[in-house]
Amino acid sequence: MAAAEVAIGVELPATLAAWYRVHDGFEEGHGAGILPSSMTMLPLADLVDEYRIRTRDWERETGILPFARTAGDTWSGWYVDARGGEPSYGDLGHWSIDGGDDLYPLGRGSWPLVDWLEEIAAALGEGRCLHRPDGMDDRHDWPVLTGSQGLTWADPRDPRLFPDGVITLDGPC
């Protein structure tokens, strides 16, 4: 962890650092889709590589730490704000190559990473979609089990997404 922080010149927010101490993400193809929006957590070494690309090649602001993306997709993902002194420090955001970096949920404040992780645990435990901090239900982010992917997050009401079917986690679909 210390080597990664030195390599990027940014200290990881406490919640993100604690999460990486528990689990170092997933290699490409393994654990794909286990986070909401079908994202997968990047190994810490990949976070360092992605961060370097963002700040060097894309000339993006320092302190925006990309920790997740869709497997095989380098165009968008989740980030944590690690810009010390900012009101959004430690909050979740969405990044994309062509769309920039925006706190999540868009235009409605922000979502501290620790609260997002607690909401993921609650949604998994209760078999329901995510409840965003702005009071909206994220109807496209239900935890479901599929025959081919295992755990993923999707809208189980759309049978076109999974022609082989899905199993909801005791949620009211």
C-alpha atoms as a PDB file:
ATOM      1  CA  MET A   1       0.000   0.000   0.000  1.00  0.00           C
ATOM      2  CA  ALA A   2       2.762   2.433   0.919  1.00  0.00           C
ATOM      3  CA  ALA A   3       4.599   1.708  -2.342  1.00  0.00           C
ATOM      4  CA  ALA A   4       1.440   2.422  -4.352  1.00  0.00           C
ATOM      5  CA  GLU A   5       0.916   5.725  -2.534  1.00  0.00           C
ATOM      6  CA  VAL A   6       4.526   6.740  -3.203  1.00  0.00           C
ATOM      7  CA  ALA A   7       4.211   5.733  -6.877  1.00  0.00           C
ATOM      8  CA  ILE A   8       1.191   7.986  -7.444  1.00  0.00           C
ATOM      9  CA  GLY A   9       2.030  10.666  -4.898  1.00  0.00           C
ATOM     10  CA  VAL A  10      -1.412  10.424  -3.285  1.00  0.00           C
ATOM     11  CA  GLU A  11      -2.499   8.953   0.036  1.00  0.00           C
ATOM     12  CA  LEU A  12      -5.474   6.627  -0.278  1.00  0.00           C
ATOM     13  CA  PRO A  13      -8.519   7.672   1.764  1.00  0.00           C
ATOM     14  CA  ALA A  14      -8.914   5.478   4.856  1.00  0.00           C
ATOM     15  CA  THR A  15     -11.919   3.523   3.559  1.00  0.00           C
ATOM     16  CA  LEU A  16     -10.274   2.696   0.232  1.00  0.00           C
ATOM     17  CA  ALA A  17      -7.039   1.715   1.982  1.00  0.00           C
ATOM     18  CA  ALA A  18      -8.953  -0.549   4.391  1.00  0.00           C
ATOM     19  CA  TRP A  19     -10.801  -2.168   1.487  1.00  0.00           C
ATOM     20  CA  TYR A  20      -7.504  -2.888  -0.284  1.00  0.00           C
ATOM     21  CA  ARG A  21      -6.113  -4.385   2.919  1.00  0.00           C
ATOM     22  CA  VAL A  22      -9.029  -6.853   2.897  1.00  0.00           C
ATOM     23  CA  HIS A  23      -8.950  -7.606  -0.840  1.00  0.00           C
ATOM     24  CA  ASP A  24      -6.660  -6.581  -3.687  1.00  0.00           C
ATOM     25  CA  GLY A  25      -9.265  -6.507  -6.452  1.00  0.00           C
ATOM     26  CA  PHE A  26      -9.654  -8.955  -9.311  1.00  0.00           C
ATOM     27  CA  GLU A  27      -7.501  -9.821 -12.279  1.00  0.00           C
ATOM     28  CA  GLU A  28      -9.120  -9.301 -15.674  1.00  0.00           C
ATOM     29  CA  GLY A  29     -11.846 -11.878 -16.214  1.00  0.00           C
ATOM     30  CA  HIS A  30     -12.151 -12.978 -12.579  1.00  0.00           C
ATOM     31  CA  GLY A  31     -14.747 -11.416 -10.307  1.00  0.00           C
ATOM     32  CA  ALA A  32     -16.099  -9.371 -13.186  1.00  0.00           C
ATOM     33  CA  GLY A  33     -19.304  -7.593 -12.374  1.00  0.00           C
ATOM     34  CA  ILE A  34     -19.508  -8.157  -8.630  1.00  0.00           C
ATOM     35  CA  LEU A  35     -19.807  -4.417  -7.908  1.00  0.00           C
ATOM     36  CA  PRO A  36     -22.826  -2.304  -8.853  1.00  0.00           C
ATOM     37  CA  SER A  37     -23.077  -1.291 -12.505  1.00  0.00           C
ATOM     38  CA  SER A  38     -21.340  -4.612 -13.264  1.00  0.00           C
ATOM     39  CA  MET A  39     -17.953  -3.163 -12.331  1.00  0.00           C
ATOM     40  CA  THR A  40     -14.999  -5.049 -10.892  1.00  0.00           C
ATOM     41  CA  MET A  41     -12.472  -3.793  -8.356  1.00  0.00           C
ATOM     42  CA  LEU A  42      -9.024  -3.205  -9.841  1.00  0.00           C
ATOM     43  CA  PRO A  43      -5.966  -4.725  -8.170  1.00  0.00           C
ATOM     44  CA  LEU A  44      -3.935  -1.981  -6.496  1.00  0.00           C
ATOM     45  CA  ALA A  45      -1.193  -2.270  -9.142  1.00  0.00           C
ATOM     46  CA  ASP A  46      -3.817  -1.611 -11.844  1.00  0.00           C
ATOM     47  CA  LEU A  47      -5.134   1.395  -9.903  1.00  0.00           C
ATOM     48  CA  VAL A  48      -1.584   2.793  -9.990  1.00  0.00           C
ATOM     49  CA  ASP A  49      -1.306   2.159 -13.747  1.00  0.00           C
ATOM     50  CA  GLU A  50      -4.748   3.650 -14.484  1.00  0.00           C
ATOM     51  CA  TYR A  51      -3.971   6.683 -12.324  1.00  0.00           C
ATOM     52  CA  ARG A  52      -0.700   7.311 -14.129  1.00  0.00           C
ATOM     53  CA  ILE A  53      -2.443   7.128 -17.517  1.00  0.00           C
ATOM     54  CA  ARG A  54      -5.166   9.514 -16.349  1.00  0.00           C
ATOM     55  CA  THR A  55      -2.816  12.130 -14.947  1.00  0.00           C
ATOM     56  CA  ARG A  56      -0.026  11.825 -17.518  1.00  0.00           C
ATOM     57  CA  ASP A  57      -1.741  11.000 -20.809  1.00  0.00           C
ATOM     58  CA  TRP A  58      -5.216  12.384 -20.232  1.00  0.00           C
ATOM     59  CA  GLU A  59      -4.001  15.367 -18.171  1.00  0.00           C
ATOM     60  CA  ARG A  60      -6.750  14.810 -15.591  1.00  0.00           C
ATOM     61  CA  GLU A  61      -6.721  16.331 -12.140  1.00  0.00           C
ATOM     62  CA  THR A  62      -4.584  14.613  -9.516  1.00  0.00           C
ATOM     63  CA  GLY A  63      -6.242  12.865  -6.588  1.00  0.00           C
ATOM     64  CA  ILE A  64      -9.037  11.116  -8.511  1.00  0.00           C
ATOM     65  CA  LEU A  65      -8.321   7.400  -7.894  1.00  0.00           C
ATOM     66  CA  PRO A  66      -9.885   4.966 -10.391  1.00  0.00           C
ATOM     67  CA  PHE A  67     -10.534   1.760  -8.428  1.00  0.00           C
ATOM     68  CA  ALA A  68     -13.104  -0.065 -10.578  1.00  0.00           C
ATOM     69  CA  ARG A  69     -14.254  -0.559 -14.168  1.00  0.00           C
ATOM     70  CA  THR A  70     -16.160  -3.015 -16.304  1.00  0.00           C
ATOM     71  CA  ALA A  71     -13.922  -5.965 -17.130  1.00  0.00           C
ATOM     72  CA  GLY A  72     -12.326  -5.460 -20.522  1.00  0.00           C
ATOM     73  CA  ASP A  73     -13.512  -1.845 -20.708  1.00  0.00           C
ATOM     74  CA  THR A  74     -10.989   0.946 -20.324  1.00  0.00           C
ATOM     75  CA  TRP A  75     -13.502   3.711 -21.078  1.00  0.00           C
ATOM     76  CA  SER A  76     -15.266   4.216 -17.746  1.00  0.00           C
ATOM     77  CA  GLY A  77     -15.481   3.163 -14.124  1.00  0.00           C
ATOM     78  CA  TRP A  78     -15.737   4.205 -10.458  1.00  0.00           C
ATOM     79  CA  TYR A  79     -13.279   6.467  -8.622  1.00  0.00           C
ATOM     80  CA  VAL A  80     -12.698   7.743  -5.094  1.00  0.00           C
ATOM     81  CA  ASP A  81     -11.852  11.392  -4.522  1.00  0.00           C
ATOM     82  CA  ALA A  82      -8.495  11.557  -2.710  1.00  0.00           C
ATOM     83  CA  ARG A  83      -7.984  15.316  -3.061  1.00  0.00           C
ATOM     84  CA  GLY A  84      -7.204  16.334   0.515  1.00  0.00           C
ATOM     85  CA  GLY A  85      -9.136  19.353   1.730  1.00  0.00           C
ATOM     86  CA  GLU A  86     -11.980  18.952  -0.798  1.00  0.00           C
ATOM     87  CA  PRO A  87     -15.512  18.545   0.611  1.00  0.00           C
ATOM     88  CA  SER A  88     -15.881  15.434  -1.561  1.00  0.00           C
ATOM     89  CA  TYR A  89     -12.762  13.753  -0.125  1.00  0.00           C
ATOM     90  CA  GLY A  90     -13.434  10.004   0.211  1.00  0.00           C
ATOM     91  CA  ASP A  91     -16.556  10.131  -1.961  1.00  0.00           C
ATOM     92  CA  LEU A  92     -17.548   7.935  -4.887  1.00  0.00           C
ATOM     93  CA  GLY A  93     -17.519   9.196  -8.441  1.00  0.00           C
ATOM     94  CA  HIS A  94     -17.860   7.968 -12.005  1.00  0.00           C
ATOM     95  CA  TRP A  95     -15.100   8.562 -14.556  1.00  0.00           C
ATOM     96  CA  SER A  96     -15.114   8.172 -18.302  1.00  0.00           C
ATOM     97  CA  ILE A  97     -12.648   9.020 -21.015  1.00  0.00           C
ATOM     98  CA  ASP A  98     -15.070  11.156 -22.961  1.00  0.00           C
ATOM     99  CA  GLY A  99     -17.270  12.362 -20.117  1.00  0.00           C
ATOM    100  CA  GLY A 100     -14.775  13.362 -17.463  1.00  0.00           C
ATOM    101  CA  ASP A 101     -15.059  12.818 -13.731  1.00  0.00           C
ATOM    102  CA  ASP A 102     -18.336  13.367 -11.864  1.00  0.00           C
ATOM    103  CA  LEU A 103     -19.348  12.672  -8.306  1.00  0.00           C
ATOM    104  CA  TYR A 104     -22.054  10.051  -8.010  1.00  0.00           C
ATOM    105  CA  PRO A 105     -25.004  10.406  -8.059  1.00  0.00           C
ATOM    106  CA  LEU A 106     -24.742  13.074 -10.747  1.00  0.00           C
ATOM    107  CA  GLY A 107     -25.866  16.538  -9.721  1.00  0.00           C
ATOM    108  CA  ARG A 108     -27.172  15.331  -6.361  1.00  0.00           C
ATOM    109  CA  GLY A 109     -24.297  15.739  -3.934  1.00  0.00           C
ATOM    110  CA  SER A 110     -22.016  12.820  -3.383  1.00  0.00           C
ATOM    111  CA  TRP A 111     -21.820   9.375  -1.800  1.00  0.00           C
ATOM    112  CA  PRO A 112     -19.054   8.630   0.714  1.00  0.00           C
ATOM    113  CA  LEU A 113     -17.327   5.361  -0.195  1.00  0.00           C
ATOM    114  CA  VAL A 114     -17.979   3.919   3.260  1.00  0.00           C
ATOM    115  CA  ASP A 115     -21.732   4.583   2.889  1.00  0.00           C
ATOM    116  CA  TRP A 116     -21.741   3.086  -0.627  1.00  0.00           C
ATOM    117  CA  LEU A 117     -20.078  -0.095   0.653  1.00  0.00           C
ATOM    118  CA  GLU A 118     -22.604  -0.319   3.511  1.00  0.00           C
ATOM    119  CA  GLU A 119     -25.442   0.108   0.999  1.00  0.00           C
ATOM    120  CA  ILE A 120     -24.007  -2.658  -1.184  1.00  0.00           C
ATOM    121  CA  ALA A 121     -23.951  -4.974   1.859  1.00  0.00           C
ATOM    122  CA  ALA A 122     -27.533  -4.041   2.743  1.00  0.00           C
ATOM    123  CA  ALA A 123     -28.763  -4.580  -0.840  1.00  0.00           C
ATOM    124  CA  LEU A 124     -27.056  -7.985  -0.951  1.00  0.00           C
ATOM    125  CA  GLY A 125     -28.443  -8.974   2.443  1.00  0.00           C
ATOM    126  CA  GLU A 126     -31.973  -7.805   1.670  1.00  0.00           C
ATOM    127  CA  GLY A 127     -32.023  -8.854  -2.009  1.00  0.00           C
ATOM    128  CA  ARG A 128     -32.982  -5.433  -3.301  1.00  0.00           C
ATOM    129  CA  CYS A 129     -31.737  -2.696  -5.574  1.00  0.00           C
ATOM    130  CA  LEU A 130     -29.428   0.018  -4.321  1.00  0.00           C
ATOM    131  CA  HIS A 131     -30.981   2.984  -2.513  1.00  0.00           C
ATOM    132  CA  ARG A 132     -28.961   6.071  -3.403  1.00  0.00           C
ATOM    133  CA  PRO A 133     -28.339   8.808  -0.823  1.00  0.00           C
ATOM    134  CA  ASP A 134     -30.555  11.193  -2.811  1.00  0.00           C
ATOM    135  CA  GLY A 135     -33.530   8.939  -2.044  1.00  0.00           C
ATOM    136  CA  MET A 136     -33.742   7.396  -5.505  1.00  0.00           C
ATOM    137  CA  ASP A 137     -33.746   3.657  -6.119  1.00  0.00           C
ATOM    138  CA  ASP A 138     -31.173   2.521  -8.636  1.00  0.00           C
ATOM    139  CA  ARG A 139     -33.544   0.103 -10.386  1.00  0.00           C
ATOM    140  CA  HIS A 140     -30.814  -1.084 -12.771  1.00  0.00           C
ATOM    141  CA  ASP A 141     -28.549  -2.229  -9.943  1.00  0.00           C
ATOM    142  CA  TRP A 142     -30.028  -5.368  -8.373  1.00  0.00           C
ATOM    143  CA  PRO A 143     -27.749  -8.162  -7.153  1.00  0.00           C
ATOM    144  CA  VAL A 144     -28.493 -11.247  -9.248  1.00  0.00           C
ATOM    145  CA  LEU A 145     -26.871 -14.611  -9.887  1.00  0.00           C
ATOM    146  CA  THR A 146     -26.415 -15.838 -13.440  1.00  0.00           C
ATOM    147  CA  GLY A 147     -25.271 -19.163 -14.783  1.00  0.00           C
ATOM    148  CA  SER A 148     -22.380 -17.644 -16.702  1.00  0.00           C
ATOM    149  CA  GLN A 149     -21.238 -14.692 -14.576  1.00  0.00           C
ATOM    150  CA  GLY A 150     -22.098 -15.612 -11.016  1.00  0.00           C
ATOM    151  CA  LEU A 151     -22.866 -12.509  -8.953  1.00  0.00           C
ATOM    152  CA  THR A 152     -23.512  -9.391 -10.987  1.00  0.00           C
ATOM    153  CA  TRP A 153     -25.688  -6.283 -10.765  1.00  0.00           C
ATOM    154  CA  ALA A 154     -28.378  -5.753 -13.350  1.00  0.00           C
ATOM    155  CA  ASP A 155     -32.045  -5.073 -13.924  1.00  0.00           C
ATOM    156  CA  PRO A 156     -33.589  -8.554 -13.475  1.00  0.00           C
ATOM    157  CA  ARG A 157     -36.833  -7.284 -15.037  1.00  0.00           C
ATOM    158  CA  ASP A 158     -35.099  -7.240 -18.455  1.00  0.00           C
ATOM    159  CA  PRO A 159     -34.918 -10.865 -19.689  1.00  0.00           C
ATOM    160  CA  ARG A 160     -32.899  -9.797 -22.758  1.00  0.00           C
ATOM    161  CA  LEU A 161     -29.870  -9.198 -20.541  1.00  0.00           C
ATOM    162  CA  PHE A 162     -29.629 -12.840 -19.502  1.00  0.00           C
ATOM    163  CA  PRO A 163     -31.276 -15.251 -21.927  1.00  0.00           C
ATOM    164  CA  ASP A 164     -30.327 -18.165 -19.642  1.00  0.00           C
ATOM    165  CA  GLY A 165     -32.131 -16.502 -16.733  1.00  0.00           C
ATOM    166  CA  VAL A 166     -31.167 -14.982 -13.414  1.00  0.00           C
ATOM    167  CA  ILE A 167     -31.764 -15.773  -9.780  1.00  0.00           C
ATOM    168  CA  THR A 168     -32.617 -12.770  -7.657  1.00  0.00           C
ATOM    169  CA  LEU A 169     -31.344 -12.719  -4.094  1.00  0.00           C
ATOM    170  CA  ASP A 170     -34.739 -12.961  -2.374  1.00  0.00           C
ATOM    171  CA  GLY A 171     -35.673  -9.536  -3.705  1.00  0.00           C
ATOM    172  CA  PRO A 172     -39.136  -8.448  -4.834  1.00  0.00           C
ATOM    173  CA  CYS A 173     -38.849  -8.325  -8.637  1.00  0.00           C
END
